[in-house]
């Protein structure tokens, strides 16, 4: 099974994923960005985003399938996907592979997102601040299809442990 946590930068995907994996036995994080970094090494820098490389979408599906075949359990993915066609390609590939997918959109209002992005002091986040802020409009444009395709979880003012519990309830009932 895959629990896919979607949402823009600052919505709480990584923090929620850590909570989910601590509560859900036999679960592990699958960072699909590493697939993008591998492709960047092979194909060069993408024009806009590594998700634009068709091999990224196929490799995410195939990597997830092989990892689950090898170790079983649940993969928790924290990946922002804002292009509906890309999400459909990934979702359809996982479905064809027989992997149940629970797709959640972690959402909060723009002011909260800006505050979270601007106050993120983790060293790995420093260089990405402006890039994350620049993508808020893309996220807002994607909201109509994201709301159709995912279970929406509002993270505004909610503790990460509560968000994780909401996600796990959604998995059990979904």
Protein backbone atom coordinates (compact mmCIF):
# COMPACT_ATOMS: atom_id res chain seq x y z
CA UNK A 1 0.00 0.00 0.00
CA UNK A 2 1.06 3.59 -0.58
CA UNK A 3 0.02 6.60 1.46
CA UNK A 4 0.75 9.57 -0.79
CA UNK A 5 0.94 12.91 1.00
CA UNK A 6 0.52 15.69 -1.53
CA UNK A 7 0.36 19.42 -0.94
CA UNK A 8 2.57 22.39 -1.42
CA UNK A 9 5.73 23.22 0.46
CA UNK A 10 4.98 24.06 4.07
CA UNK A 11 1.77 22.05 4.30
CA UNK A 12 3.34 19.55 6.69
CA UNK A 13 4.02 16.54 4.45
CA UNK A 14 7.41 15.57 5.87
CA UNK A 15 6.42 16.10 9.50
CA UNK A 16 3.19 14.17 8.99
CA UNK A 17 5.02 11.35 7.22
CA UNK A 18 7.39 10.94 10.16
CA UNK A 19 4.39 10.74 12.50
CA UNK A 20 2.57 8.27 10.25
CA UNK A 21 5.59 5.96 10.00
CA UNK A 22 6.03 6.07 13.77
CA UNK A 23 2.40 4.97 14.24
CA UNK A 24 2.06 2.48 11.39
CA UNK A 25 4.02 -0.75 11.78
CA UNK A 26 5.95 -1.96 8.74
CA UNK A 27 5.88 1.43 7.04
CA UNK A 28 8.74 3.41 5.59
CA UNK A 29 9.33 6.69 3.81
CA UNK A 30 9.87 6.64 0.06
CA UNK A 31 11.44 9.90 -1.08
CA UNK A 32 10.58 10.07 -4.78
CA UNK A 33 12.76 13.16 -5.15
CA UNK A 34 15.78 10.86 -5.06
CA UNK A 35 14.52 9.38 -8.32
CA UNK A 36 14.51 12.92 -9.70
CA UNK A 37 18.07 13.55 -8.50
CA UNK A 38 19.22 10.33 -10.16
CA UNK A 39 17.65 11.43 -13.45
CA UNK A 40 19.16 14.88 -13.13
CA UNK A 41 22.55 13.19 -12.90
CA UNK A 42 21.82 11.22 -16.09
CA UNK A 43 19.66 13.65 -18.12
CA UNK A 44 20.90 17.02 -16.89
CA UNK A 45 18.97 19.78 -15.22
CA UNK A 46 15.30 19.86 -16.19
CA UNK A 47 13.89 22.98 -17.75
CA UNK A 48 11.40 23.44 -14.91
CA UNK A 49 10.98 20.35 -12.71
CA UNK A 50 12.30 16.78 -12.72
CA UNK A 51 8.67 15.60 -12.76
CA UNK A 52 8.61 16.82 -16.37
CA UNK A 53 10.93 13.93 -17.26
CA UNK A 54 8.63 11.06 -18.35
CA UNK A 55 11.09 8.50 -16.91
CA UNK A 56 10.59 10.00 -13.43
CA UNK A 57 6.93 9.03 -13.34
CA UNK A 58 7.57 5.51 -14.61
CA UNK A 59 10.53 4.98 -12.30
CA UNK A 60 8.54 6.12 -9.27
CA UNK A 61 5.93 3.48 -10.05
CA UNK A 62 8.46 0.75 -10.77
CA UNK A 63 10.63 1.58 -7.75
CA UNK A 64 7.60 1.52 -5.46
CA UNK A 65 6.47 -1.81 -6.93
CA UNK A 66 9.87 -3.41 -6.51
CA UNK A 67 10.41 -2.07 -2.99
CA UNK A 68 6.99 -3.31 -1.90
CA UNK A 69 7.62 -6.69 -3.56
CA UNK A 70 10.89 -6.90 -1.65
CA UNK A 71 9.88 -5.71 1.83
CA UNK A 72 6.07 -5.45 1.83
CA UNK A 73 4.32 -3.09 4.19
CA UNK A 74 3.45 0.49 3.40
CA UNK A 75 5.35 3.22 1.61
CA UNK A 76 4.66 6.77 2.73
CA UNK A 77 5.41 9.24 -0.05
CA UNK A 78 5.79 12.96 0.53
CA UNK A 79 5.70 14.43 -2.94
CA UNK A 80 4.06 17.53 -4.29
CA UNK A 81 2.49 16.72 -7.66
CA UNK A 82 0.70 19.70 -9.17
CA UNK A 83 0.23 18.48 -12.75
CA UNK A 84 -2.93 16.40 -12.99
CA UNK A 85 -1.71 14.36 -15.97
CA UNK A 86 1.42 13.41 -14.02
CA UNK A 87 -0.65 12.33 -11.03
CA UNK A 88 -2.94 10.25 -13.25
CA UNK A 89 0.04 8.55 -14.87
CA UNK A 90 1.54 7.65 -11.47
CA UNK A 91 -1.80 6.62 -9.97
CA UNK A 92 -2.74 4.51 -12.99
CA UNK A 93 0.68 2.83 -12.98
CA UNK A 94 0.44 1.97 -9.30
CA UNK A 95 -3.11 0.69 -9.77
CA UNK A 96 -2.02 -1.52 -12.70
CA UNK A 97 0.75 -2.87 -10.45
CA UNK A 98 -1.91 -3.84 -7.91
CA UNK A 99 -0.77 -1.31 -5.31
CA UNK A 100 -3.54 0.39 -3.33
CA UNK A 101 -2.98 4.15 -3.16
CA UNK A 102 -4.39 6.45 -0.51
CA UNK A 103 -3.92 10.02 -1.74
CA UNK A 104 -4.11 12.86 0.77
CA UNK A 105 -3.86 16.57 0.17
CA UNK A 106 -2.40 18.35 3.18
CA UNK A 107 -3.74 21.87 2.90
CA UNK A 108 -3.52 25.14 4.76
CA UNK A 109 -4.17 28.75 3.86
CA UNK A 110 -1.66 30.86 1.95
CA UNK A 111 -0.71 33.07 4.93
CA UNK A 112 0.17 30.01 7.01
CA UNK A 113 2.15 28.51 4.13
CA UNK A 114 4.15 31.72 3.66
CA UNK A 115 4.86 31.91 7.39
CA UNK A 116 5.99 28.27 7.53
CA UNK A 117 8.23 28.66 4.48
CA UNK A 118 9.77 31.92 5.69
CA UNK A 119 10.45 30.61 9.21
CA UNK A 120 11.86 27.22 8.13
CA UNK A 121 15.39 27.31 9.55
CA UNK A 122 16.52 23.82 8.54
CA UNK A 123 19.83 24.13 6.63
CA UNK A 124 18.53 22.08 3.69
CA UNK A 125 15.60 24.50 3.31
CA UNK A 126 17.55 27.76 3.15
CA UNK A 127 18.27 27.71 -0.58
CA UNK A 128 14.75 26.61 -1.50
CA UNK A 129 12.79 29.37 0.24
CA UNK A 130 12.14 31.54 -2.82
CA UNK A 131 11.48 28.52 -5.04
CA UNK A 132 8.85 27.30 -2.57
CA UNK A 133 7.22 30.72 -2.37
CA UNK A 134 7.20 30.98 -6.17
CA UNK A 135 5.25 27.70 -6.41
CA UNK A 136 2.32 28.75 -4.23
CA UNK A 137 0.43 30.09 -7.24
CA UNK A 138 0.92 26.78 -9.10
CA UNK A 139 -0.47 25.00 -6.05
CA UNK A 140 -3.51 27.28 -5.92
CA UNK A 141 -4.16 26.63 -9.62
CA UNK A 142 -3.99 22.87 -9.01
CA UNK A 143 -6.40 22.91 -6.05
CA UNK A 144 -9.59 22.08 -8.04
CA UNK A 145 -8.25 18.78 -9.38
CA UNK A 146 -6.35 18.00 -6.16
CA UNK A 147 -9.57 18.32 -4.17
CA UNK A 148 -11.26 15.87 -6.58
CA UNK A 149 -8.43 13.34 -6.49
CA UNK A 150 -7.39 13.36 -2.83
CA UNK A 151 -8.80 13.33 0.66
CA UNK A 152 -8.21 16.86 1.94
CA UNK A 153 -6.71 17.25 5.40
CA UNK A 154 -6.55 20.80 6.75
CA UNK A 155 -3.28 21.25 8.66
CA UNK A 156 -3.95 24.83 9.79
CA UNK A 157 -3.31 25.00 13.51
CA UNK A 158 -3.40 21.21 13.86
CA UNK A 159 -0.61 19.34 15.60
CA UNK A 160 1.31 16.92 13.36
CA UNK A 161 0.27 13.94 15.48
CA UNK A 162 -3.40 14.85 14.92
CA UNK A 163 -2.82 15.23 11.18
CA UNK A 164 -1.20 11.79 11.12
CA UNK A 165 -4.14 10.28 13.01
CA UNK A 166 -6.54 11.87 10.49
CA UNK A 167 -4.54 10.37 7.62
CA UNK A 168 -4.53 6.93 9.23
CA UNK A 169 -8.30 7.13 9.86
CA UNK A 170 -8.69 8.01 6.18
CA UNK A 171 -6.65 4.96 5.20
CA UNK A 172 -8.78 2.68 7.38
CA UNK A 173 -12.06 4.06 6.02
CA UNK A 174 -10.94 4.77 2.45
